[in-house]
Amino acid sequence: MAEDDDYVYYNGRKLRKGFTTGTTATGATVAALQALLKQQEQVIVEVNAANGKRARFDVEECTFDHDHASVAIKKMVVMIKMPPMEC
């Protein structure tokens, strides 16, 4: 069971601390897109959380090639594949 330090009380409700799954997914998606578009390994990604604060995540795994990227951060893994582009 989690320690009481893992929670915060807001309007009388006991809430877990940390970032939402949505914020974490956004971070992983942004890191994967950056890896794909820049063709560079990503190590850290920052995104805006719903509460207006900046969320910073360490990228635990990052693989990519010319048309897909896969990024893992603590809560999840996101894989992106680019469709062929016409010029």
C-alpha atoms as a PDB file:
ATOM      1  CA  MET A   1       0.000   0.000   0.000  1.00  0.00           C
ATOM      2  CA  ALA A   2       1.256   3.516  -0.798  1.00  0.00           C
ATOM      3  CA  GLU A   3       2.581   5.816   1.869  1.00  0.00           C
ATOM      4  CA  ASP A   4       0.555   8.903   2.833  1.00  0.00           C
ATOM      5  CA  ASP A   5       3.378  10.977   1.266  1.00  0.00           C
ATOM      6  CA  ASP A   6       2.188   9.694  -2.128  1.00  0.00           C
ATOM      7  CA  TYR A   7      -1.078  11.640  -1.764  1.00  0.00           C
ATOM      8  CA  VAL A   8      -2.270  15.232  -1.495  1.00  0.00           C
ATOM      9  CA  TYR A   9      -5.591  16.478  -0.147  1.00  0.00           C
ATOM     10  CA  TYR A  10      -7.598  18.819  -2.384  1.00  0.00           C
ATOM     11  CA  ASN A  11     -11.122  20.014  -1.535  1.00  0.00           C
ATOM     12  CA  GLY A  12     -11.364  17.271   1.065  1.00  0.00           C
ATOM     13  CA  ARG A  13     -10.422  14.530  -1.400  1.00  0.00           C
ATOM     14  CA  LYS A  14      -7.332  12.336  -1.161  1.00  0.00           C
ATOM     15  CA  LEU A  15      -5.564  12.416  -4.537  1.00  0.00           C
ATOM     16  CA  ARG A  16      -2.433  10.637  -5.736  1.00  0.00           C
ATOM     17  CA  LYS A  17       0.581  12.798  -6.565  1.00  0.00           C
ATOM     18  CA  GLY A  18       2.244  12.693  -9.964  1.00  0.00           C
ATOM     19  CA  PHE A  19       1.380  13.212 -13.583  1.00  0.00           C
ATOM     20  CA  THR A  20      -1.704  11.828 -15.271  1.00  0.00           C
ATOM     21  CA  THR A  21      -1.500   9.080 -17.840  1.00  0.00           C
ATOM     22  CA  GLY A  22      -2.545  11.665 -20.446  1.00  0.00           C
ATOM     23  CA  THR A  23       0.377  13.951 -19.612  1.00  0.00           C
ATOM     24  CA  THR A  24       2.747  10.997 -19.690  1.00  0.00           C
ATOM     25  CA  ALA A  25       1.338   9.855 -23.055  1.00  0.00           C
ATOM     26  CA  THR A  26       1.760  13.364 -24.424  1.00  0.00           C
ATOM     27  CA  GLY A  27       5.393  13.383 -23.296  1.00  0.00           C
ATOM     28  CA  ALA A  28       6.093  10.036 -24.937  1.00  0.00           C
ATOM     29  CA  THR A  29       4.361  11.122 -28.143  1.00  0.00           C
ATOM     30  CA  VAL A  30       6.283  14.403 -28.319  1.00  0.00           C
ATOM     31  CA  ALA A  31       9.590  12.587 -27.746  1.00  0.00           C
ATOM     32  CA  ALA A  32       8.766  10.026 -30.458  1.00  0.00           C
ATOM     33  CA  LEU A  33       7.830  12.759 -32.936  1.00  0.00           C
ATOM     34  CA  GLN A  34      11.009  14.707 -32.150  1.00  0.00           C
ATOM     35  CA  ALA A  35      13.109  11.565 -32.646  1.00  0.00           C
ATOM     36  CA  LEU A  36      11.372  10.846 -35.949  1.00  0.00           C
ATOM     37  CA  LEU A  37      11.480  14.371 -37.364  1.00  0.00           C
ATOM     38  CA  LYS A  38      14.966  15.317 -36.131  1.00  0.00           C
ATOM     39  CA  GLN A  39      16.415  11.800 -36.549  1.00  0.00           C
ATOM     40  CA  GLN A  40      18.052  12.231 -33.135  1.00  0.00           C
ATOM     41  CA  GLU A  41      17.798  10.179 -29.966  1.00  0.00           C
ATOM     42  CA  GLN A  42      15.747  11.933 -27.296  1.00  0.00           C
ATOM     43  CA  VAL A  43      16.797  11.747 -23.632  1.00  0.00           C
ATOM     44  CA  ILE A  44      14.503  14.265 -21.952  1.00  0.00           C
ATOM     45  CA  VAL A  45      11.119  15.640 -22.969  1.00  0.00           C
ATOM     46  CA  GLU A  46       9.075  18.485 -21.489  1.00  0.00           C
ATOM     47  CA  VAL A  47       5.370  19.146 -22.050  1.00  0.00           C
ATOM     48  CA  ASN A  48       2.703  21.331 -20.491  1.00  0.00           C
ATOM     49  CA  ALA A  49       0.537  19.458 -17.990  1.00  0.00           C
ATOM     50  CA  ALA A  50      -3.190  20.138 -17.629  1.00  0.00           C
ATOM     51  CA  ASN A  51      -2.495  22.072 -14.415  1.00  0.00           C
ATOM     52  CA  GLY A  52      -0.342  24.556 -16.356  1.00  0.00           C
ATOM     53  CA  LYS A  53       2.962  23.287 -14.969  1.00  0.00           C
ATOM     54  CA  ARG A  54       5.798  21.896 -17.087  1.00  0.00           C
ATOM     55  CA  ALA A  55       6.170  18.131 -16.891  1.00  0.00           C
ATOM     56  CA  ARG A  56       9.657  16.765 -17.496  1.00  0.00           C
ATOM     57  CA  PHE A  57      10.248  13.085 -18.262  1.00  0.00           C
ATOM     58  CA  ASP A  58      13.419  11.073 -18.746  1.00  0.00           C
ATOM     59  CA  VAL A  59      13.281   9.007 -21.917  1.00  0.00           C
ATOM     60  CA  GLU A  60      14.251   5.462 -20.919  1.00  0.00           C
ATOM     61  CA  GLU A  61      14.395   4.027 -24.450  1.00  0.00           C
ATOM     62  CA  CYS A  62      14.364   5.677 -27.872  1.00  0.00           C
ATOM     63  CA  THR A  63      14.634   3.920 -31.235  1.00  0.00           C
ATOM     64  CA  PHE A  64      13.894   5.343 -34.670  1.00  0.00           C
ATOM     65  CA  ASP A  65      14.605   5.139 -38.373  1.00  0.00           C
ATOM     66  CA  HIS A  66      13.382   7.116 -41.382  1.00  0.00           C
ATOM     67  CA  ASP A  67       9.677   6.265 -40.973  1.00  0.00           C
ATOM     68  CA  HIS A  68       8.991   5.195 -37.392  1.00  0.00           C
ATOM     69  CA  ALA A  69       9.997   5.884 -33.793  1.00  0.00           C
ATOM     70  CA  SER A  70       9.427   4.188 -30.457  1.00  0.00           C
ATOM     71  CA  VAL A  71       9.903   5.898 -27.104  1.00  0.00           C
ATOM     72  CA  ALA A  72       9.547   4.547 -23.578  1.00  0.00           C
ATOM     73  CA  ILE A  73       9.146   6.719 -20.526  1.00  0.00           C
ATOM     74  CA  LYS A  74       8.314   5.525 -17.024  1.00  0.00           C
ATOM     75  CA  LYS A  75       4.556   4.962 -17.471  1.00  0.00           C
ATOM     76  CA  MET A  76       4.303   3.918 -21.125  1.00  0.00           C
ATOM     77  CA  VAL A  77       5.683   3.232 -24.583  1.00  0.00           C
ATOM     78  CA  VAL A  78       4.550   5.106 -27.707  1.00  0.00           C
ATOM     79  CA  MET A  79       5.281   3.951 -31.258  1.00  0.00           C
ATOM     80  CA  ILE A  80       4.715   6.206 -34.269  1.00  0.00           C
ATOM     81  CA  LYS A  81       4.930   5.216 -37.942  1.00  0.00           C
ATOM     82  CA  MET A  82       4.959   7.927 -40.595  1.00  0.00           C
ATOM     83  CA  PRO A  83       2.945   7.287 -43.753  1.00  0.00           C
ATOM     84  CA  PRO A  84       4.770   7.780 -47.052  1.00  0.00           C
ATOM     85  CA  MET A  85       4.902  11.474 -47.924  1.00  0.00           C
ATOM     86  CA  GLU A  86       4.488  12.871 -51.404  1.00  0.00           C
ATOM     87  CA  CYS A  87       6.611  15.854 -52.372  1.00  0.00           C
END
